[in-house]
Amino acid sequence: MPKKRRVTDDQARLLAIGFMRDVICGELATGPGTSNSSHDMAVAYFMAYLPEKWADGETSPQSWDHVWLEMNVQLEVIFDALNGEAMRTARDNPGFNYWIAKSKSPV
């Protein structure tokens, strides 16, 4: 029987930060556009960070969906904060362009 498991906001934030770091490192090592952020890649990523019990074959699909959604919420929170800092930096450095991901318009 599948088991229900949950992550806290702080745990999801840790996953989000690690995910960003790993994607950025991958992009720097292999060039832009080479990372694959499919659900299967995310599950493989999670296995490096979550406790071993998540890999016991008894974790429900709803639990995987939950951890994915919670991590994405934390990514949005982090990116909002990073966008604010980037916009401030862009205003202080008029020769630099910064594009907000959602609007694709420079700030």
C-alpha atoms as a PDB file:
ATOM      1  CA  MET A   1       0.000   0.000   0.000  1.00  0.00           C
ATOM      2  CA  PRO A   2       1.441   3.424  -0.941  1.00  0.00           C
ATOM      3  CA  LYS A   3       2.425   5.624   1.978  1.00  0.00           C
ATOM      4  CA  LYS A   4       1.596   9.300   2.265  1.00  0.00           C
ATOM      5  CA  ARG A   5       4.658  11.478   2.870  1.00  0.00           C
ATOM      6  CA  ARG A   6       4.961  15.240   3.089  1.00  0.00           C
ATOM      7  CA  VAL A   7       7.691  17.875   3.166  1.00  0.00           C
ATOM      8  CA  THR A   8       7.677  21.126   5.128  1.00  0.00           C
ATOM      9  CA  ASP A   9       8.133  24.554   3.562  1.00  0.00           C
ATOM     10  CA  ASP A  10      11.736  24.638   4.803  1.00  0.00           C
ATOM     11  CA  GLN A  11      12.467  21.197   3.354  1.00  0.00           C
ATOM     12  CA  ALA A  12      10.937  22.213   0.022  1.00  0.00           C
ATOM     13  CA  ARG A  13      13.020  25.420   0.111  1.00  0.00           C
ATOM     14  CA  LEU A  14      16.176  23.347   0.617  1.00  0.00           C
ATOM     15  CA  LEU A  15      15.205  21.181  -2.356  1.00  0.00           C
ATOM     16  CA  ALA A  16      14.525  24.277  -4.455  1.00  0.00           C
ATOM     17  CA  ILE A  17      17.884  25.850  -3.619  1.00  0.00           C
ATOM     18  CA  GLY A  18      19.736  22.606  -4.355  1.00  0.00           C
ATOM     19  CA  PHE A  19      17.762  22.185  -7.578  1.00  0.00           C
ATOM     20  CA  MET A  20      18.693  25.690  -8.744  1.00  0.00           C
ATOM     21  CA  ARG A  21      22.335  25.117  -7.859  1.00  0.00           C
ATOM     22  CA  ASP A  22      22.449  21.802  -9.734  1.00  0.00           C
ATOM     23  CA  VAL A  23      20.703  23.188 -12.826  1.00  0.00           C
ATOM     24  CA  ILE A  24      22.994  26.212 -12.894  1.00  0.00           C
ATOM     25  CA  CYS A  25      26.076  24.005 -12.507  1.00  0.00           C
ATOM     26  CA  GLY A  26      24.804  21.760 -15.306  1.00  0.00           C
ATOM     27  CA  GLU A  27      24.144  24.722 -17.561  1.00  0.00           C
ATOM     28  CA  LEU A  28      27.612  26.128 -16.903  1.00  0.00           C
ATOM     29  CA  ALA A  29      29.270  22.750 -17.546  1.00  0.00           C
ATOM     30  CA  THR A  30      27.356  21.769 -20.687  1.00  0.00           C
ATOM     31  CA  GLY A  31      26.091  25.012 -22.174  1.00  0.00           C
ATOM     32  CA  PRO A  32      22.671  26.661 -22.216  1.00  0.00           C
ATOM     33  CA  GLY A  33      19.505  24.743 -22.958  1.00  0.00           C
ATOM     34  CA  THR A  34      20.836  21.289 -22.143  1.00  0.00           C
ATOM     35  CA  SER A  35      19.078  20.651 -18.833  1.00  0.00           C
ATOM     36  CA  ASN A  36      15.948  18.502 -18.837  1.00  0.00           C
ATOM     37  CA  SER A  37      13.446  19.406 -16.140  1.00  0.00           C
ATOM     38  CA  SER A  38      10.921  16.618 -16.763  1.00  0.00           C
ATOM     39  CA  HIS A  39       9.106  14.974 -13.875  1.00  0.00           C
ATOM     40  CA  ASP A  40      11.347  11.871 -14.159  1.00  0.00           C
ATOM     41  CA  MET A  41      14.472  14.012 -13.873  1.00  0.00           C
ATOM     42  CA  ALA A  42      12.962  15.699 -10.818  1.00  0.00           C
ATOM     43  CA  VAL A  43      12.318  12.361  -9.108  1.00  0.00           C
ATOM     44  CA  ALA A  44      15.916  11.300  -9.815  1.00  0.00           C
ATOM     45  CA  TYR A  45      17.073  14.631  -8.388  1.00  0.00           C
ATOM     46  CA  PHE A  46      14.956  14.230  -5.266  1.00  0.00           C
ATOM     47  CA  MET A  47      16.537  10.855  -4.532  1.00  0.00           C
ATOM     48  CA  ALA A  48      19.856  12.621  -3.884  1.00  0.00           C
ATOM     49  CA  TYR A  49      18.275  14.797  -1.156  1.00  0.00           C
ATOM     50  CA  LEU A  50      15.292  13.023   0.386  1.00  0.00           C
ATOM     51  CA  PRO A  51      15.616  10.391   3.120  1.00  0.00           C
ATOM     52  CA  GLU A  52      16.135   6.815   1.921  1.00  0.00           C
ATOM     53  CA  LYS A  53      12.584   5.822   2.877  1.00  0.00           C
ATOM     54  CA  TRP A  54      11.287   7.797  -0.115  1.00  0.00           C
ATOM     55  CA  ALA A  55      13.065   5.291  -2.415  1.00  0.00           C
ATOM     56  CA  ASP A  56      11.562   2.193  -0.808  1.00  0.00           C
ATOM     57  CA  GLY A  57       9.058   1.744  -3.635  1.00  0.00           C
ATOM     58  CA  GLU A  58       6.146   2.517  -1.322  1.00  0.00           C
ATOM     59  CA  THR A  59       5.974   6.290  -1.844  1.00  0.00           C
ATOM     60  CA  SER A  60       2.646   7.183  -3.422  1.00  0.00           C
ATOM     61  CA  PRO A  61       2.363   9.131  -6.677  1.00  0.00           C
ATOM     62  CA  GLN A  62       0.486  11.802  -4.721  1.00  0.00           C
ATOM     63  CA  SER A  63       3.521  12.187  -2.435  1.00  0.00           C
ATOM     64  CA  TRP A  64       5.801  12.731  -5.453  1.00  0.00           C
ATOM     65  CA  ASP A  65       3.331  15.266  -6.838  1.00  0.00           C
ATOM     66  CA  HIS A  66       3.219  16.991  -3.442  1.00  0.00           C
ATOM     67  CA  VAL A  67       6.998  17.343  -3.096  1.00  0.00           C
ATOM     68  CA  TRP A  68       7.214  18.605  -6.706  1.00  0.00           C
ATOM     69  CA  LEU A  69       4.490  21.210  -6.150  1.00  0.00           C
ATOM     70  CA  GLU A  70       5.900  22.334  -2.788  1.00  0.00           C
ATOM     71  CA  MET A  71       9.374  22.723  -4.276  1.00  0.00           C
ATOM     72  CA  ASN A  72       7.915  24.778  -7.131  1.00  0.00           C
ATOM     73  CA  VAL A  73       6.148  27.082  -4.640  1.00  0.00           C
ATOM     74  CA  GLN A  74       9.490  27.647  -2.927  1.00  0.00           C
ATOM     75  CA  LEU A  75      11.183  28.272  -6.290  1.00  0.00           C
ATOM     76  CA  GLU A  76       8.619  30.994  -6.998  1.00  0.00           C
ATOM     77  CA  VAL A  77       9.267  32.588  -3.590  1.00  0.00           C
ATOM     78  CA  ILE A  78      13.031  32.477  -4.144  1.00  0.00           C
ATOM     79  CA  PHE A  79      12.796  33.767  -7.723  1.00  0.00           C
ATOM     80  CA  ASP A  80      10.536  36.637  -6.611  1.00  0.00           C
ATOM     81  CA  ALA A  81      13.208  37.676  -4.112  1.00  0.00           C
ATOM     82  CA  LEU A  82      15.953  37.234  -6.700  1.00  0.00           C
ATOM     83  CA  ASN A  83      13.927  39.241  -9.246  1.00  0.00           C
ATOM     84  CA  GLY A  84      13.665  42.118  -6.768  1.00  0.00           C
ATOM     85  CA  GLU A  85      17.419  42.134  -6.228  1.00  0.00           C
ATOM     86  CA  ALA A  86      18.075  41.845  -9.964  1.00  0.00           C
ATOM     87  CA  MET A  87      15.738  44.749 -10.735  1.00  0.00           C
ATOM     88  CA  ARG A  88      17.501  46.895  -8.115  1.00  0.00           C
ATOM     89  CA  THR A  89      20.856  45.931  -9.615  1.00  0.00           C
ATOM     90  CA  ALA A  90      19.602  46.662 -13.141  1.00  0.00           C
ATOM     91  CA  ARG A  91      18.437  50.142 -12.062  1.00  0.00           C
ATOM     92  CA  ASP A  92      21.831  50.793 -10.466  1.00  0.00           C
ATOM     93  CA  ASN A  93      23.638  49.517 -13.593  1.00  0.00           C
ATOM     94  CA  PRO A  94      21.875  51.031 -16.636  1.00  0.00           C
ATOM     95  CA  GLY A  95      24.159  49.249 -19.119  1.00  0.00           C
ATOM     96  CA  PHE A  96      22.878  45.850 -18.008  1.00  0.00           C
ATOM     97  CA  ASN A  97      19.607  44.235 -19.093  1.00  0.00           C
ATOM     98  CA  TYR A  98      17.485  42.028 -16.895  1.00  0.00           C
ATOM     99  CA  TRP A  99      14.439  40.197 -18.171  1.00  0.00           C
ATOM    100  CA  ILE A 100      11.705  39.135 -15.807  1.00  0.00           C
ATOM    101  CA  ALA A 101      10.981  35.521 -16.677  1.00  0.00           C
ATOM    102  CA  LYS A 102       7.173  35.814 -16.631  1.00  0.00           C
ATOM    103  CA  SER A 103       6.868  38.943 -18.770  1.00  0.00           C
ATOM    104  CA  LYS A 104       9.961  38.661 -20.994  1.00  0.00           C
ATOM    105  CA  SER A 105      10.305  42.426 -20.779  1.00  0.00           C
ATOM    106  CA  PRO A 106      13.544  44.132 -19.758  1.00  0.00           C
ATOM    107  CA  VAL A 107      13.725  46.081 -16.538  1.00  0.00           C
END
